Amino acid sequence: KVLEAEAQGLDTVSSFVGEYNIYKRQL
């Protein structure tokens, strides 16, 4: 599933990138 999500470019969608980066900074 993770491979497929990356293949579909879901890790480049702005909503994903924004939420992920906020969490990274806070953690």
mmCIF file of all heavy atoms, coordinates in Angstrom:
data_MODEL
# 
_entry.id   MODEL 
# 
loop_
_atom_site.group_PDB 
_atom_site.id 
_atom_site.type_symbol 
_atom_site.label_atom_id 
_atom_site.label_alt_id 
_atom_site.label_comp_id 
_atom_site.label_asym_id 
_atom_site.label_entity_id 
_atom_site.label_seq_id 
_atom_site.pdbx_PDB_ins_code 
_atom_site.Cartn_x 
_atom_site.Cartn_y 
_atom_site.Cartn_z 
_atom_site.occupancy 
_atom_site.B_iso_or_equiv 
_atom_site.pdbx_formal_charge 
_atom_site.auth_seq_id 
_atom_site.auth_comp_id 
_atom_site.auth_asym_id 
_atom_site.auth_atom_id 
_atom_site.pdbx_PDB_model_num 
ATOM 1   N N   . LYS A 1 1  ? 0.831  -1.212 0.000  1.00 0.00 ? 1  LYS A N   1 
ATOM 2   C CA  . LYS A 1 1  ? 0.000  0.000  0.000  1.00 0.00 ? 1  LYS A CA  1 
ATOM 3   C C   . LYS A 1 1  ? 0.868  1.265  0.000  1.00 0.00 ? 1  LYS A C   1 
ATOM 4   O O   . LYS A 1 1  ? 0.576  2.243  -0.693 1.00 0.00 ? 1  LYS A O   1 
ATOM 5   C CB  . LYS A 1 1  ? -0.927 0.010  1.208  1.00 0.00 ? 1  LYS A CB  1 
ATOM 6   C CG  . LYS A 1 1  ? -2.086 -0.964 1.124  1.00 0.00 ? 1  LYS A CG  1 
ATOM 7   C CD  . LYS A 1 1  ? -2.921 -0.881 2.399  1.00 0.00 ? 1  LYS A CD  1 
ATOM 8   C CE  . LYS A 1 1  ? -4.037 -1.887 2.414  1.00 0.00 ? 1  LYS A CE  1 
ATOM 9   N NZ  . LYS A 1 1  ? -4.812 -1.844 3.677  1.00 0.00 ? 1  LYS A NZ  1 
ATOM 10  N N   . VAL A 1 2  ? 1.926  1.244  0.811  1.00 0.00 ? 2  VAL A N   1 
ATOM 11  C CA  . VAL A 1 2  ? 2.803  2.413  0.865  1.00 0.00 ? 2  VAL A CA  1 
ATOM 12  C C   . VAL A 1 2  ? 3.459  2.645  -0.500 1.00 0.00 ? 2  VAL A C   1 
ATOM 13  O O   . VAL A 1 2  ? 3.528  3.785  -0.989 1.00 0.00 ? 2  VAL A O   1 
ATOM 14  C CB  . VAL A 1 2  ? 3.881  2.240  1.956  1.00 0.00 ? 2  VAL A CB  1 
ATOM 15  C CG1 . VAL A 1 2  ? 4.899  3.369  1.883  1.00 0.00 ? 2  VAL A CG1 1 
ATOM 16  C CG2 . VAL A 1 2  ? 3.237  2.213  3.337  1.00 0.00 ? 2  VAL A CG2 1 
ATOM 17  N N   . LEU A 1 3  ? 3.916  1.574  -1.134 1.00 0.00 ? 3  LEU A N   1 
ATOM 18  C CA  . LEU A 1 3  ? 4.522  1.695  -2.462 1.00 0.00 ? 3  LEU A CA  1 
ATOM 19  C C   . LEU A 1 3  ? 3.529  2.274  -3.460 1.00 0.00 ? 3  LEU A C   1 
ATOM 20  O O   . LEU A 1 3  ? 3.872  3.115  -4.292 1.00 0.00 ? 3  LEU A O   1 
ATOM 21  C CB  . LEU A 1 3  ? 5.018  0.327  -2.942 1.00 0.00 ? 3  LEU A CB  1 
ATOM 22  C CG  . LEU A 1 3  ? 6.305  -0.210 -2.308 1.00 0.00 ? 3  LEU A CG  1 
ATOM 23  C CD1 . LEU A 1 3  ? 6.577  -1.625 -2.792 1.00 0.00 ? 3  LEU A CD1 1 
ATOM 24  C CD2 . LEU A 1 3  ? 7.491  0.698  -2.648 1.00 0.00 ? 3  LEU A CD2 1 
ATOM 25  N N   . GLU A 1 4  ? 2.283  1.822  -3.377 1.00 0.00 ? 4  GLU A N   1 
ATOM 26  C CA  . GLU A 1 4  ? 1.266  2.298  -4.306 1.00 0.00 ? 4  GLU A CA  1 
ATOM 27  C C   . GLU A 1 4  ? 0.946  3.773  -4.068 1.00 0.00 ? 4  GLU A C   1 
ATOM 28  O O   . GLU A 1 4  ? 0.748  4.539  -5.018 1.00 0.00 ? 4  GLU A O   1 
ATOM 29  C CB  . GLU A 1 4  ? -0.001 1.453  -4.173 1.00 0.00 ? 4  GLU A CB  1 
ATOM 30  C CG  . GLU A 1 4  ? -1.116 1.821  -5.138 1.00 0.00 ? 4  GLU A CG  1 
ATOM 31  C CD  . GLU A 1 4  ? -0.721 1.643  -6.607 1.00 0.00 ? 4  GLU A CD  1 
ATOM 32  O OE1 . GLU A 1 4  ? 0.212  0.862  -6.892 1.00 0.00 ? 4  GLU A OE1 1 
ATOM 33  O OE2 . GLU A 1 4  ? -1.364 2.290  -7.463 1.00 0.00 ? 4  GLU A OE2 1 
ATOM 34  N N   . ALA A 1 5  ? 0.901  4.168  -2.804 1.00 0.00 ? 5  ALA A N   1 
ATOM 35  C CA  . ALA A 1 5  ? 0.644  5.574  -2.479 1.00 0.00 ? 5  ALA A CA  1 
ATOM 36  C C   . ALA A 1 5  ? 1.734  6.462  -3.072 1.00 0.00 ? 5  ALA A C   1 
ATOM 37  O O   . ALA A 1 5  ? 1.451  7.539  -3.621 1.00 0.00 ? 5  ALA A O   1 
ATOM 38  C CB  . ALA A 1 5  ? 0.570  5.759  -0.969 1.00 0.00 ? 5  ALA A CB  1 
ATOM 39  N N   . GLU A 1 6  ? 2.969  6.002  -2.979 1.00 0.00 ? 6  GLU A N   1 
ATOM 40  C CA  . GLU A 1 6  ? 4.083  6.768  -3.555 1.00 0.00 ? 6  GLU A CA  1 
ATOM 41  C C   . GLU A 1 6  ? 4.013  6.768  -5.080 1.00 0.00 ? 6  GLU A C   1 
ATOM 42  O O   . GLU A 1 6  ? 4.287  7.790  -5.719 1.00 0.00 ? 6  GLU A O   1 
ATOM 43  C CB  . GLU A 1 6  ? 5.409  6.183  -3.075 1.00 0.00 ? 6  GLU A CB  1 
ATOM 44  C CG  . GLU A 1 6  ? 5.648  6.381  -1.577 1.00 0.00 ? 6  GLU A CG  1 
ATOM 45  C CD  . GLU A 1 6  ? 6.823  5.592  -1.030 1.00 0.00 ? 6  GLU A CD  1 
ATOM 46  O OE1 . GLU A 1 6  ? 7.306  4.677  -1.739 1.00 0.00 ? 6  GLU A OE1 1 
ATOM 47  O OE2 . GLU A 1 6  ? 7.255  5.881  0.094  1.00 0.00 ? 6  GLU A OE2 1 
ATOM 48  N N   . ALA A 1 7  ? 3.618  5.626  -5.650 1.00 0.00 ? 7  ALA A N   1 
ATOM 49  C CA  . ALA A 1 7  ? 3.507  5.535  -7.108 1.00 0.00 ? 7  ALA A CA  1 
ATOM 50  C C   . ALA A 1 7  ? 2.429  6.473  -7.635 1.00 0.00 ? 7  ALA A C   1 
ATOM 51  O O   . ALA A 1 7  ? 2.551  7.021  -8.740 1.00 0.00 ? 7  ALA A O   1 
ATOM 52  C CB  . ALA A 1 7  ? 3.201  4.096  -7.517 1.00 0.00 ? 7  ALA A CB  1 
ATOM 53  N N   . GLN A 1 8  ? 1.375  6.683  -6.848 1.00 0.00 ? 8  GLN A N   1 
ATOM 54  C CA  . GLN A 1 8  ? 0.297  7.587  -7.251 1.00 0.00 ? 8  GLN A CA  1 
ATOM 55  C C   . GLN A 1 8  ? 0.614  9.047  -6.920 1.00 0.00 ? 8  GLN A C   1 
ATOM 56  O O   . GLN A 1 8  ? -0.210 9.933  -7.155 1.00 0.00 ? 8  GLN A O   1 
ATOM 57  C CB  . GLN A 1 8  ? -1.014 7.172  -6.582 1.00 0.00 ? 8  GLN A CB  1 
ATOM 58  C CG  . GLN A 1 8  ? -1.549 5.836  -7.074 1.00 0.00 ? 8  GLN A CG  1 
ATOM 59  C CD  . GLN A 1 8  ? -2.908 5.494  -6.479 1.00 0.00 ? 8  GLN A CD  1 
ATOM 60  O OE1 . GLN A 1 8  ? -3.632 6.356  -5.985 1.00 0.00 ? 8  GLN A OE1 1 
ATOM 61  N NE2 . GLN A 1 8  ? -3.273 4.212  -6.530 1.00 0.00 ? 8  GLN A NE2 1 
ATOM 62  N N   . GLY A 1 9  ? 1.799  9.286  -6.353 1.00 0.00 ? 9  GLY A N   1 
ATOM 63  C CA  . GLY A 1 9  ? 2.230  10.657 -6.063 1.00 0.00 ? 9  GLY A CA  1 
ATOM 64  C C   . GLY A 1 9  ? 1.529  11.304 -4.884 1.00 0.00 ? 9  GLY A C   1 
ATOM 65  O O   . GLY A 1 9  ? 1.539  12.530 -4.742 1.00 0.00 ? 9  GLY A O   1 
ATOM 66  N N   . LEU A 1 10 ? 0.953  10.491 -4.015 1.00 0.00 ? 10 LEU A N   1 
ATOM 67  C CA  . LEU A 1 10 ? 0.228  11.054 -2.872 1.00 0.00 ? 10 LEU A CA  1 
ATOM 68  C C   . LEU A 1 10 ? 1.172  11.725 -1.879 1.00 0.00 ? 10 LEU A C   1 
ATOM 69  O O   . LEU A 1 10 ? 0.736  12.568 -1.089 1.00 0.00 ? 10 LEU A O   1 
ATOM 70  C CB  . LEU A 1 10 ? -0.571 9.953  -2.166 1.00 0.00 ? 10 LEU A CB  1 
ATOM 71  C CG  . LEU A 1 10 ? -1.673 9.287  -3.008 1.00 0.00 ? 10 LEU A CG  1 
ATOM 72  C CD1 . LEU A 1 10 ? -2.408 8.240  -2.199 1.00 0.00 ? 10 LEU A CD1 1 
ATOM 73  C CD2 . LEU A 1 10 ? -2.646 10.322 -3.544 1.00 0.00 ? 10 LEU A CD2 1 
ATOM 74  N N   . ASP A 1 11 ? 2.458  11.354 -1.913 1.00 0.00 ? 11 ASP A N   1 
ATOM 75  C CA  . ASP A 1 11 ? 3.427  11.983 -1.019 1.00 0.00 ? 11 ASP A CA  1 
ATOM 76  C C   . ASP A 1 11 ? 3.881  13.352 -1.521 1.00 0.00 ? 11 ASP A C   1 
ATOM 77  O O   . ASP A 1 11 ? 4.664  14.035 -0.854 1.00 0.00 ? 11 ASP A O   1 
ATOM 78  C CB  . ASP A 1 11 ? 4.639  11.079 -0.813 1.00 0.00 ? 11 ASP A CB  1 
ATOM 79  C CG  . ASP A 1 11 ? 5.300  10.673 -2.125 1.00 0.00 ? 11 ASP A CG  1 
ATOM 80  O OD1 . ASP A 1 11 ? 4.632  10.753 -3.175 1.00 0.00 ? 11 ASP A OD1 1 
ATOM 81  O OD2 . ASP A 1 11 ? 6.473  10.273 -2.099 1.00 0.00 ? 11 ASP A OD2 1 
ATOM 82  N N   . THR A 1 12 ? 3.376  13.777 -2.688 1.00 0.00 ? 12 THR A N   1 
ATOM 83  C CA  . THR A 1 12 ? 3.722  15.097 -3.214 1.00 0.00 ? 12 THR A CA  1 
ATOM 84  C C   . THR A 1 12 ? 2.543  16.069 -3.164 1.00 0.00 ? 12 THR A C   1 
ATOM 85  O O   . THR A 1 12 ? 2.694  17.242 -3.507 1.00 0.00 ? 12 THR A O   1 
ATOM 86  C CB  . THR A 1 12 ? 4.202  14.985 -4.677 1.00 0.00 ? 12 THR A CB  1 
ATOM 87  O OG1 . THR A 1 12 ? 3.120  14.493 -5.495 1.00 0.00 ? 12 THR A OG1 1 
ATOM 88  C CG2 . THR A 1 12 ? 5.385  14.042 -4.793 1.00 0.00 ? 12 THR A CG2 1 
ATOM 89  N N   . VAL A 1 13 ? 1.379  15.588 -2.762 1.00 0.00 ? 13 VAL A N   1 
ATOM 90  C CA  . VAL A 1 13 ? 0.191  16.448 -2.680 1.00 0.00 ? 13 VAL A CA  1 
ATOM 91  C C   . VAL A 1 13 ? 0.403  17.489 -1.582 1.00 0.00 ? 13 VAL A C   1 
ATOM 92  O O   . VAL A 1 13 ? 0.902  17.177 -0.497 1.00 0.00 ? 13 VAL A O   1 
ATOM 93  C CB  . VAL A 1 13 ? -1.069 15.605 -2.384 1.00 0.00 ? 13 VAL A CB  1 
ATOM 94  C CG1 . VAL A 1 13 ? -2.294 16.504 -2.202 1.00 0.00 ? 13 VAL A CG1 1 
ATOM 95  C CG2 . VAL A 1 13 ? -1.303 14.611 -3.513 1.00 0.00 ? 13 VAL A CG2 1 
ATOM 96  N N   . SER A 1 14 ? 0.042  18.734 -1.846 1.00 0.00 ? 14 SER A N   1 
ATOM 97  C CA  . SER A 1 14 ? 0.342  19.840 -0.925 1.00 0.00 ? 14 SER A CA  1 
ATOM 98  C C   . SER A 1 14 ? -0.268 19.631 0.459  1.00 0.00 ? 14 SER A C   1 
ATOM 99  O O   . SER A 1 14 ? 0.363  19.957 1.470  1.00 0.00 ? 14 SER A O   1 
ATOM 100 C CB  . SER A 1 14 ? -0.143 21.166 -1.512 1.00 0.00 ? 14 SER A CB  1 
ATOM 101 O OG  . SER A 1 14 ? -1.541 21.126 -1.752 1.00 0.00 ? 14 SER A OG  1 
ATOM 102 N N   . SER A 1 15 ? -1.495 19.088 0.521  1.00 0.00 ? 15 SER A N   1 
ATOM 103 C CA  . SER A 1 15 ? -2.129 18.878 1.825  1.00 0.00 ? 15 SER A CA  1 
ATOM 104 C C   . SER A 1 15 ? -1.346 17.875 2.658  1.00 0.00 ? 15 SER A C   1 
ATOM 105 O O   . SER A 1 15 ? -1.169 18.047 3.871  1.00 0.00 ? 15 SER A O   1 
ATOM 106 C CB  . SER A 1 15 ? -3.571 18.404 1.646  1.00 0.00 ? 15 SER A CB  1 
ATOM 107 O OG  . SER A 1 15 ? -3.609 17.202 0.883  1.00 0.00 ? 15 SER A OG  1 
ATOM 108 N N   . PHE A 1 16 ? -0.843 16.819 1.999  1.00 0.00 ? 16 PHE A N   1 
ATOM 109 C CA  . PHE A 1 16 ? -0.033 15.827 2.701  1.00 0.00 ? 16 PHE A CA  1 
ATOM 110 C C   . PHE A 1 16 ? 1.287  16.434 3.164  1.00 0.00 ? 16 PHE A C   1 
ATOM 111 O O   . PHE A 1 16 ? 1.680  16.298 4.329  1.00 0.00 ? 16 PHE A O   1 
ATOM 112 C CB  . PHE A 1 16 ? 0.243  14.624 1.797  1.00 0.00 ? 16 PHE A CB  1 
ATOM 113 C CG  . PHE A 1 16 ? 1.353  13.734 2.310  1.00 0.00 ? 16 PHE A CG  1 
ATOM 114 C CD1 . PHE A 1 16 ? 1.097  12.773 3.274  1.00 0.00 ? 16 PHE A CD1 1 
ATOM 115 C CD2 . PHE A 1 16 ? 2.659  13.888 1.861  1.00 0.00 ? 16 PHE A CD2 1 
ATOM 116 C CE1 . PHE A 1 16 ? 2.119  11.976 3.771  1.00 0.00 ? 16 PHE A CE1 1 
ATOM 117 C CE2 . PHE A 1 16 ? 3.684  13.097 2.344  1.00 0.00 ? 16 PHE A CE2 1 
ATOM 118 C CZ  . PHE A 1 16 ? 3.415  12.132 3.307  1.00 0.00 ? 16 PHE A CZ  1 
ATOM 119 N N   . VAL A 1 17 ? 1.977  17.128 2.248  1.00 0.00 ? 17 VAL A N   1 
ATOM 120 C CA  . VAL A 1 17 ? 3.288  17.704 2.565  1.00 0.00 ? 17 VAL A CA  1 
ATOM 121 C C   . VAL A 1 17 ? 3.167  18.693 3.721  1.00 0.00 ? 17 VAL A C   1 
ATOM 122 O O   . VAL A 1 17 ? 3.982  18.698 4.646  1.00 0.00 ? 17 VAL A O   1 
ATOM 123 C CB  . VAL A 1 17 ? 3.898  18.394 1.320  1.00 0.00 ? 17 VAL A CB  1 
ATOM 124 C CG1 . VAL A 1 17 ? 5.166  19.144 1.689  1.00 0.00 ? 17 VAL A CG1 1 
ATOM 125 C CG2 . VAL A 1 17 ? 4.189  17.364 0.234  1.00 0.00 ? 17 VAL A CG2 1 
ATOM 126 N N   . GLY A 1 18 ? 2.122  19.526 3.692  1.00 0.00 ? 18 GLY A N   1 
ATOM 127 C CA  . GLY A 1 18 ? 1.931  20.511 4.756  1.00 0.00 ? 18 GLY A CA  1 
ATOM 128 C C   . GLY A 1 18 ? 1.714  19.874 6.105  1.00 0.00 ? 18 GLY A C   1 
ATOM 129 O O   . GLY A 1 18 ? 2.375  20.243 7.095  1.00 0.00 ? 18 GLY A O   1 
ATOM 130 N N   . GLU A 1 19 ? 0.801  18.893 6.171  1.00 0.00 ? 19 GLU A N   1 
ATOM 131 C CA  . GLU A 1 19 ? 0.501  18.242 7.454  1.00 0.00 ? 19 GLU A CA  1 
ATOM 132 C C   . GLU A 1 19 ? 1.708  17.466 7.975  1.00 0.00 ? 19 GLU A C   1 
ATOM 133 O O   . GLU A 1 19 ? 2.016  17.503 9.166  1.00 0.00 ? 19 GLU A O   1 
ATOM 134 C CB  . GLU A 1 19 ? -0.699 17.304 7.286  1.00 0.00 ? 19 GLU A CB  1 
ATOM 135 C CG  . GLU A 1 19 ? -1.172 16.685 8.590  1.00 0.00 ? 19 GLU A CG  1 
ATOM 136 C CD  . GLU A 1 19 ? -2.473 15.929 8.450  1.00 0.00 ? 19 GLU A CD  1 
ATOM 137 O OE1 . GLU A 1 19 ? -3.111 16.026 7.381  1.00 0.00 ? 19 GLU A OE1 1 
ATOM 138 O OE2 . GLU A 1 19 ? -2.859 15.226 9.407  1.00 0.00 ? 19 GLU A OE2 1 
ATOM 139 N N   . TYR A 1 20 ? 2.397  16.789 7.062  1.00 0.00 ? 20 TYR A N   1 
ATOM 140 C CA  . TYR A 1 20 ? 3.565  15.994 7.460  1.00 0.00 ? 20 TYR A CA  1 
ATOM 141 C C   . TYR A 1 20 ? 4.687  16.886 7.983  1.00 0.00 ? 20 TYR A C   1 
ATOM 142 O O   . TYR A 1 20 ? 5.302  16.593 9.019  1.00 0.00 ? 20 TYR A O   1 
ATOM 143 C CB  . TYR A 1 20 ? 4.039  15.185 6.253  1.00 0.00 ? 20 TYR A CB  1 
ATOM 144 C CG  . TYR A 1 20 ? 5.283  14.355 6.500  1.00 0.00 ? 20 TYR A CG  1 
ATOM 145 C CD1 . TYR A 1 20 ? 5.365  13.484 7.581  1.00 0.00 ? 20 TYR A CD1 1 
ATOM 146 C CD2 . TYR A 1 20 ? 6.375  14.438 5.639  1.00 0.00 ? 20 TYR A CD2 1 
ATOM 147 C CE1 . TYR A 1 20 ? 6.502  12.710 7.804  1.00 0.00 ? 20 TYR A CE1 1 
ATOM 148 C CE2 . TYR A 1 20 ? 7.516  13.668 5.851  1.00 0.00 ? 20 TYR A CE2 1 
ATOM 149 C CZ  . TYR A 1 20 ? 7.567  12.814 6.934  1.00 0.00 ? 20 TYR A CZ  1 
ATOM 150 O OH  . TYR A 1 20 ? 8.694  12.061 7.149  1.00 0.00 ? 20 TYR A OH  1 
ATOM 151 N N   . ASN A 1 21 ? 4.946  18.007 7.309  1.00 0.00 ? 21 ASN A N   1 
ATOM 152 C CA  . ASN A 1 21 ? 6.034  18.898 7.739  1.00 0.00 ? 21 ASN A CA  1 
ATOM 153 C C   . ASN A 1 21 ? 5.729  19.569 9.072  1.00 0.00 ? 21 ASN A C   1 
ATOM 154 O O   . ASN A 1 21 ? 6.636  19.779 9.894  1.00 0.00 ? 21 ASN A O   1 
ATOM 155 C CB  . ASN A 1 21 ? 6.309  19.947 6.661  1.00 0.00 ? 21 ASN A CB  1 
ATOM 156 C CG  . ASN A 1 21 ? 7.063  19.373 5.472  1.00 0.00 ? 21 ASN A CG  1 
ATOM 157 O OD1 . ASN A 1 21 ? 7.735  18.351 5.594  1.00 0.00 ? 21 ASN A OD1 1 
ATOM 158 N ND2 . ASN A 1 21 ? 6.947  20.008 4.321  1.00 0.00 ? 21 ASN A ND2 1 
ATOM 159 N N   . ILE A 1 22 ? 4.490  19.928 9.301  1.00 0.00 ? 22 ILE A N   1 
ATOM 160 C CA  . ILE A 1 22 ? 4.108  20.513 10.595 1.00 0.00 ? 22 ILE A CA  1 
ATOM 161 C C   . ILE A 1 22 ? 4.390  19.517 11.715 1.00 0.00 ? 22 ILE A C   1 
ATOM 162 O O   . ILE A 1 22 ? 4.968  19.861 12.752 1.00 0.00 ? 22 ILE A O   1 
ATOM 163 C CB  . ILE A 1 22 ? 2.611  20.917 10.591 1.00 0.00 ? 22 ILE A CB  1 
ATOM 164 C CG1 . ILE A 1 22 ? 2.402  22.148 9.705  1.00 0.00 ? 22 ILE A CG1 1 
ATOM 165 C CG2 . ILE A 1 22 ? 2.127  21.210 12.012 1.00 0.00 ? 22 ILE A CG2 1 
ATOM 166 C CD1 . ILE A 1 22 ? 0.942  22.494 9.477  1.00 0.00 ? 22 ILE A CD1 1 
ATOM 167 N N   . TYR A 1 23 ? 3.992  18.270 11.500 1.00 0.00 ? 23 TYR A N   1 
ATOM 168 C CA  . TYR A 1 23 ? 4.219  17.240 12.524 1.00 0.00 ? 23 TYR A CA  1 
ATOM 169 C C   . TYR A 1 23 ? 5.711  17.017 12.752 1.00 0.00 ? 23 TYR A C   1 
ATOM 170 O O   . TYR A 1 23 ? 6.167  16.895 13.892 1.00 0.00 ? 23 TYR A O   1 
ATOM 171 C CB  . TYR A 1 23 ? 3.551  15.939 12.103 1.00 0.00 ? 23 TYR A CB  1 
ATOM 172 C CG  . TYR A 1 23 ? 3.725  14.828 13.108 1.00 0.00 ? 23 TYR A CG  1 
ATOM 173 C CD1 . TYR A 1 23 ? 2.947  14.779 14.255 1.00 0.00 ? 23 TYR A CD1 1 
ATOM 174 C CD2 . TYR A 1 23 ? 4.686  13.836 12.921 1.00 0.00 ? 23 TYR A CD2 1 
ATOM 175 C CE1 . TYR A 1 23 ? 3.104  13.767 15.188 1.00 0.00 ? 23 TYR A CE1 1 
ATOM 176 C CE2 . TYR A 1 23 ? 4.856  12.830 13.847 1.00 0.00 ? 23 TYR A CE2 1 
ATOM 177 C CZ  . TYR A 1 23 ? 4.060  12.793 14.980 1.00 0.00 ? 23 TYR A CZ  1 
ATOM 178 O OH  . TYR A 1 23 ? 4.235  11.795 15.904 1.00 0.00 ? 23 TYR A OH  1 
ATOM 179 N N   . LYS A 1 24 ? 6.476  16.973 11.658 1.00 0.00 ? 24 LYS A N   1 
ATOM 180 C CA  . LYS A 1 24 ? 7.925  16.770 11.779 1.00 0.00 ? 24 LYS A CA  1 
ATOM 181 C C   . LYS A 1 24 ? 8.565  17.863 12.631 1.00 0.00 ? 24 LYS A C   1 
ATOM 182 O O   . LYS A 1 24 ? 9.387  17.582 13.506 1.00 0.00 ? 24 LYS A O   1 
ATOM 183 C CB  . LYS A 1 24 ? 8.573  16.768 10.388 1.00 0.00 ? 24 LYS A CB  1 
ATOM 184 C CG  . LYS A 1 24 ? 8.544  15.440 9.672  1.00 0.00 ? 24 LYS A CG  1 
ATOM 185 C CD  . LYS A 1 24 ? 9.148  15.550 8.288  1.00 0.00 ? 24 LYS A CD  1 
ATOM 186 C CE  . LYS A 1 24 ? 10.629 15.826 8.341  1.00 0.00 ? 24 LYS A CE  1 
ATOM 187 N NZ  . LYS A 1 24 ? 11.235 15.884 6.990  1.00 0.00 ? 24 LYS A NZ  1 
ATOM 188 N N   . ARG A 1 25 ? 8.185  19.114 12.355 1.00 0.00 ? 25 ARG A N   1 
ATOM 189 C CA  . ARG A 1 25 ? 8.771  20.230 13.102 1.00 0.00 ? 25 ARG A CA  1 
ATOM 190 C C   . ARG A 1 25 ? 8.398  20.162 14.583 1.00 0.00 ? 25 ARG A C   1 
ATOM 191 O O   . ARG A 1 25 ? 9.247  20.368 15.462 1.00 0.00 ? 25 ARG A O   1 
ATOM 192 C CB  . ARG A 1 25 ? 8.307  21.570 12.510 1.00 0.00 ? 25 ARG A CB  1 
ATOM 193 C CG  . ARG A 1 25 ? 8.945  21.904 11.174 1.00 0.00 ? 25 ARG A CG  1 
ATOM 194 C CD  . ARG A 1 25 ? 8.746  23.364 10.825 1.00 0.00 ? 25 ARG A CD  1 
ATOM 195 N NE  . ARG A 1 25 ? 7.339  23.696 10.665 1.00 0.00 ? 25 ARG A NE  1 
ATOM 196 C CZ  . ARG A 1 25 ? 6.669  23.613 9.511  1.00 0.00 ? 25 ARG A CZ  1 
ATOM 197 N NH1 . ARG A 1 25 ? 7.293  23.199 8.425  1.00 0.00 ? 25 ARG A NH1 1 
ATOM 198 N NH2 . ARG A 1 25 ? 5.406  23.953 9.446  1.00 0.00 ? 25 ARG A NH2 1 
ATOM 199 N N   . GLN A 1 26 ? 7.135  19.875 14.851 1.00 0.00 ? 26 GLN A N   1 
ATOM 200 C CA  . GLN A 1 26 ? 6.689  19.806 16.241 1.00 0.00 ? 26 GLN A CA  1 
ATOM 201 C C   . GLN A 1 26 ? 7.390  18.674 16.984 1.00 0.00 ? 26 GLN A C   1 
ATOM 202 O O   . GLN A 1 26 ? 7.831  18.845 18.130 1.00 0.00 ? 26 GLN A O   1 
ATOM 203 C CB  . GLN A 1 26 ? 5.170  19.613 16.299 1.00 0.00 ? 26 GLN A CB  1 
ATOM 204 C CG  . GLN A 1 26 ? 4.381  20.823 15.830 1.00 0.00 ? 26 GLN A CG  1 
ATOM 205 C CD  . GLN A 1 26 ? 2.892  20.561 15.758 1.00 0.00 ? 26 GLN A CD  1 
ATOM 206 O OE1 . GLN A 1 26 ? 2.445  19.410 15.730 1.00 0.00 ? 26 GLN A OE1 1 
ATOM 207 N NE2 . GLN A 1 26 ? 2.105  21.625 15.727 1.00 0.00 ? 26 GLN A NE2 1 
ATOM 208 N N   . LEU A 1 27 ? 7.506  17.532 16.349 1.00 0.00 ? 27 LEU A N   1 
ATOM 209 C CA  . LEU A 1 27 ? 8.156  16.390 16.984 1.00 0.00 ? 27 LEU A CA  1 
ATOM 210 C C   . LEU A 1 27 ? 9.652  16.637 17.141 1.00 0.00 ? 27 LEU A C   1 
ATOM 211 O O   . LEU A 1 27 ? 10.248 16.267 18.155 1.00 0.00 ? 27 LEU A O   1 
ATOM 212 C CB  . LEU A 1 27 ? 7.908  15.120 16.175 1.00 0.00 ? 27 LEU A CB  1 
ATOM 213 C CG  . LEU A 1 27 ? 8.340  13.812 16.856 1.00 0.00 ? 27 LEU A CG  1 
ATOM 214 C CD1 . LEU A 1 27 ? 7.477  13.546 18.084 1.00 0.00 ? 27 LEU A CD1 1 
ATOM 215 C CD2 . LEU A 1 27 ? 8.232  12.632 15.886 1.00 0.00 ? 27 LEU A CD2 1 
# 
